Amino acid sequence: MANNSKSSTTKVPEARQALDRMKFEIARELGVNLKEGYNGDLSARENGSVGGYMVRKLIEQAQRSMAGQQN
């Protein structure tokens, strides 16, 4: 299955701002010095921990939503 879009493209553009807020909030919680723009000075582990935690929280929110427990 060919996919010509970039993986970082937001499928729902209206969600971009909320996702960015979540990313910086999680980075702050994890002690990762994430800043606007280029973050090439961070290790793959630091960046991955932020992304992994975001996925975990998004799955948790979806599960709550499906269970009718919007939180």
N, C-alpha and C. Protein backbone atom coordinates (compact mmCIF):
# COMPACT_ATOMS: atom_id res chain seq x y z
N MET A 1 0.85 -1.17 0.00
CA MET A 1 0.00 0.00 0.00
C MET A 1 0.89 1.23 0.00
N ALA A 2 0.84 2.03 -1.04
CA ALA A 2 1.67 3.22 -1.16
C ALA A 2 1.00 4.39 -0.45
N ASN A 3 1.80 5.13 0.27
CA ASN A 3 1.31 6.31 0.97
C ASN A 3 2.25 7.45 0.63
N ASN A 4 1.77 8.41 -0.12
CA ASN A 4 2.61 9.50 -0.58
C ASN A 4 2.68 10.66 0.39
N SER A 5 1.93 10.63 1.48
CA SER A 5 1.96 11.73 2.44
C SER A 5 3.02 11.48 3.50
N LYS A 6 3.51 12.57 4.06
CA LYS A 6 4.50 12.45 5.13
C LYS A 6 3.82 11.90 6.38
N SER A 7 4.56 11.12 7.14
CA SER A 7 3.98 10.52 8.34
C SER A 7 3.66 11.56 9.41
N SER A 8 4.33 12.71 9.37
CA SER A 8 4.08 13.74 10.38
C SER A 8 2.93 14.66 9.99
N THR A 9 2.28 14.40 8.86
CA THR A 9 1.15 15.21 8.44
C THR A 9 -0.05 14.90 9.33
N THR A 10 -0.66 15.95 9.86
CA THR A 10 -1.83 15.78 10.70
C THR A 10 -3.03 15.51 9.82
N LYS A 11 -3.72 14.42 10.07
CA LYS A 11 -4.89 14.05 9.28
C LYS A 11 -6.06 14.98 9.54
N VAL A 12 -6.11 15.57 10.73
CA VAL A 12 -7.14 16.54 11.09
C VAL A 12 -6.41 17.83 11.43
N PRO A 13 -6.27 18.73 10.45
CA PRO A 13 -5.48 19.95 10.66
C PRO A 13 -5.91 20.76 11.88
N GLU A 14 -7.19 20.72 12.23
CA GLU A 14 -7.68 21.48 13.38
C GLU A 14 -7.08 20.98 14.69
N ALA A 15 -6.54 19.76 14.69
CA ALA A 15 -5.97 19.18 15.90
C ALA A 15 -4.51 19.55 16.10
N ARG A 16 -3.87 20.14 15.11
CA ARG A 16 -2.42 20.44 15.18
C ARG A 16 -2.05 21.23 16.42
N GLN A 17 -2.78 22.28 16.72
CA GLN A 17 -2.46 23.13 17.88
C GLN A 17 -2.58 22.35 19.19
N ALA A 18 -3.62 21.55 19.33
CA ALA A 18 -3.80 20.76 20.54
C ALA A 18 -2.69 19.72 20.69
N LEU A 19 -2.30 19.10 19.57
CA LEU A 19 -1.21 18.12 19.61
C LEU A 19 0.11 18.78 20.00
N ASP A 20 0.36 19.98 19.48
CA ASP A 20 1.59 20.70 19.84
C ASP A 20 1.61 21.05 21.32
N ARG A 21 0.45 21.50 21.84
CA ARG A 21 0.38 21.81 23.29
C ARG A 21 0.66 20.56 24.10
N MET A 22 0.06 19.44 23.68
CA MET A 22 0.26 18.18 24.39
C MET A 22 1.73 17.78 24.36
N LYS A 23 2.35 17.92 23.21
CA LYS A 23 3.76 17.54 23.05
C LYS A 23 4.64 18.33 24.01
N PHE A 24 4.45 19.65 24.10
CA PHE A 24 5.29 20.46 24.98
C PHE A 24 4.97 20.22 26.45
N GLU A 25 3.71 19.95 26.76
CA GLU A 25 3.34 19.63 28.14
C GLU A 25 4.01 18.32 28.58
N ILE A 26 3.96 17.32 27.73
CA ILE A 26 4.57 16.03 28.05
C ILE A 26 6.08 16.16 28.15
N ALA A 27 6.69 16.90 27.23
CA ALA A 27 8.14 17.11 27.29
C ALA A 27 8.52 17.74 28.62
N ARG A 28 7.74 18.72 29.04
CA ARG A 28 8.02 19.39 30.33
C ARG A 28 7.90 18.38 31.47
N GLU A 29 6.84 17.55 31.46
CA GLU A 29 6.65 16.54 32.50
C GLU A 29 7.81 15.56 32.56
N LEU A 30 8.34 15.20 31.38
CA LEU A 30 9.43 14.22 31.32
C LEU A 30 10.81 14.85 31.49
N GLY A 31 10.87 16.18 31.57
CA GLY A 31 12.15 16.86 31.74
C GLY A 31 12.96 16.95 30.46
N VAL A 32 12.28 16.88 29.31
CA VAL A 32 12.95 16.99 28.01
C VAL A 32 12.90 18.45 27.58
N ASN A 33 14.05 19.01 27.24
CA ASN A 33 14.14 20.42 26.88
C ASN A 33 13.73 20.63 25.42
N LEU A 34 12.46 20.46 25.13
CA LEU A 34 11.92 20.60 23.79
C LEU A 34 11.62 22.07 23.55
N LYS A 35 11.98 22.56 22.40
CA LYS A 35 11.72 23.97 22.07
C LYS A 35 11.07 24.06 20.70
N GLU A 36 10.50 25.22 20.40
CA GLU A 36 9.90 25.46 19.08
C GLU A 36 10.98 25.33 18.02
N GLY A 37 10.63 24.78 16.88
CA GLY A 37 11.58 24.68 15.77
C GLY A 37 12.48 23.46 15.88
N TYR A 38 13.73 23.65 15.51
CA TYR A 38 14.70 22.57 15.40
C TYR A 38 15.08 22.01 16.78
N ASN A 39 15.06 20.69 16.90
CA ASN A 39 15.42 20.01 18.14
C ASN A 39 16.43 18.89 17.88
N GLY A 40 17.27 19.10 16.88
CA GLY A 40 18.26 18.09 16.50
C GLY A 40 19.31 17.84 17.56
N ASP A 41 19.38 18.71 18.56
CA ASP A 41 20.35 18.53 19.64
C ASP A 41 19.86 17.52 20.68
N LEU A 42 18.60 17.10 20.57
CA LEU A 42 18.07 16.11 21.50
C LEU A 42 18.33 14.71 20.98
N SER A 43 18.47 13.77 21.88
CA SER A 43 18.73 12.39 21.47
C SER A 43 17.44 11.74 20.96
N ALA A 44 17.61 10.68 20.22
CA ALA A 44 16.46 9.91 19.73
C ALA A 44 15.66 9.38 20.92
N ARG A 45 16.33 9.02 21.98
CA ARG A 45 15.65 8.51 23.17
C ARG A 45 14.76 9.59 23.78
N GLU A 46 15.27 10.83 23.88
CA GLU A 46 14.47 11.91 24.45
C GLU A 46 13.25 12.20 23.58
N ASN A 47 13.48 12.34 22.27
CA ASN A 47 12.37 12.60 21.36
C ASN A 47 11.38 11.44 21.35
N GLY A 48 11.89 10.23 21.36
CA GLY A 48 11.03 9.05 21.35
C GLY A 48 10.19 8.92 22.59
N SER A 49 10.75 9.32 23.73
CA SER A 49 9.99 9.23 24.98
C SER A 49 8.79 10.17 24.93
N VAL A 50 8.97 11.34 24.35
CA VAL A 50 7.86 12.29 24.23
C VAL A 50 6.80 11.71 23.29
N GLY A 51 7.22 11.23 22.13
CA GLY A 51 6.27 10.66 21.17
C GLY A 51 5.56 9.44 21.72
N GLY A 52 6.29 8.58 22.39
CA GLY A 52 5.69 7.37 22.96
C GLY A 52 4.65 7.69 24.02
N TYR A 53 4.96 8.67 24.86
CA TYR A 53 4.03 9.05 25.90
C TYR A 53 2.79 9.71 25.31
N MET A 54 2.99 10.49 24.22
CA MET A 54 1.84 11.09 23.53
C MET A 54 0.90 10.01 23.02
N VAL A 55 1.46 9.00 22.39
CA VAL A 55 0.65 7.91 21.85
C VAL A 55 -0.11 7.22 22.99
N ARG A 56 0.57 6.96 24.08
CA ARG A 56 -0.07 6.32 25.22
C ARG A 56 -1.27 7.14 25.72
N LYS A 57 -1.07 8.47 25.86
CA LYS A 57 -2.16 9.33 26.34
C LYS A 57 -3.30 9.41 25.34
N LEU A 58 -2.99 9.45 24.04
CA LEU A 58 -4.03 9.52 23.03
C LEU A 58 -4.86 8.23 23.00
N ILE A 59 -4.21 7.10 23.16
CA ILE A 59 -4.93 5.83 23.21
C ILE A 59 -5.83 5.79 24.45
N GLU A 60 -5.30 6.26 25.56
CA GLU A 60 -6.08 6.31 26.80
C GLU A 60 -7.33 7.18 26.62
N GLN A 61 -7.17 8.34 25.98
CA GLN A 61 -8.30 9.24 25.74
C GLN A 61 -9.33 8.58 24.82
N ALA A 62 -8.87 7.89 23.80
CA ALA A 62 -9.78 7.21 22.88
C ALA A 62 -10.55 6.11 23.59
N GLN A 63 -9.87 5.36 24.44
CA GLN A 63 -10.54 4.30 25.18
C GLN A 63 -11.60 4.86 26.11
N ARG A 64 -11.28 5.96 26.79
CA ARG A 64 -12.27 6.60 27.66
C ARG A 64 -13.48 7.07 26.86
N SER A 65 -13.20 7.65 25.71
CA SER A 65 -14.26 8.15 24.85
C SER A 65 -15.17 7.01 24.39
N MET A 66 -14.55 5.90 23.99
CA MET A 66 -15.33 4.74 23.55
C MET A 66 -16.15 4.14 24.68
N ALA A 67 -15.65 4.25 25.89
CA ALA A 67 -16.35 3.70 27.05
C ALA A 67 -17.40 4.69 27.59
N GLY A 68 -17.47 5.89 26.97
CA GLY A 68 -18.45 6.87 27.41
C GLY A 68 -18.05 7.60 28.67
N GLN A 69 -16.74 7.60 28.98
CA GLN A 69 -16.25 8.25 30.19
C GLN A 69 -15.40 9.46 29.83
N GLN A 70 -15.86 10.30 28.94
CA GLN A 70 -15.10 11.48 28.47
C GLN A 70 -14.47 12.18 29.66
N ASN A 71 -13.12 12.29 29.62
CA ASN A 71 -12.41 12.90 30.73
C ASN A 71 -11.36 13.84 30.22
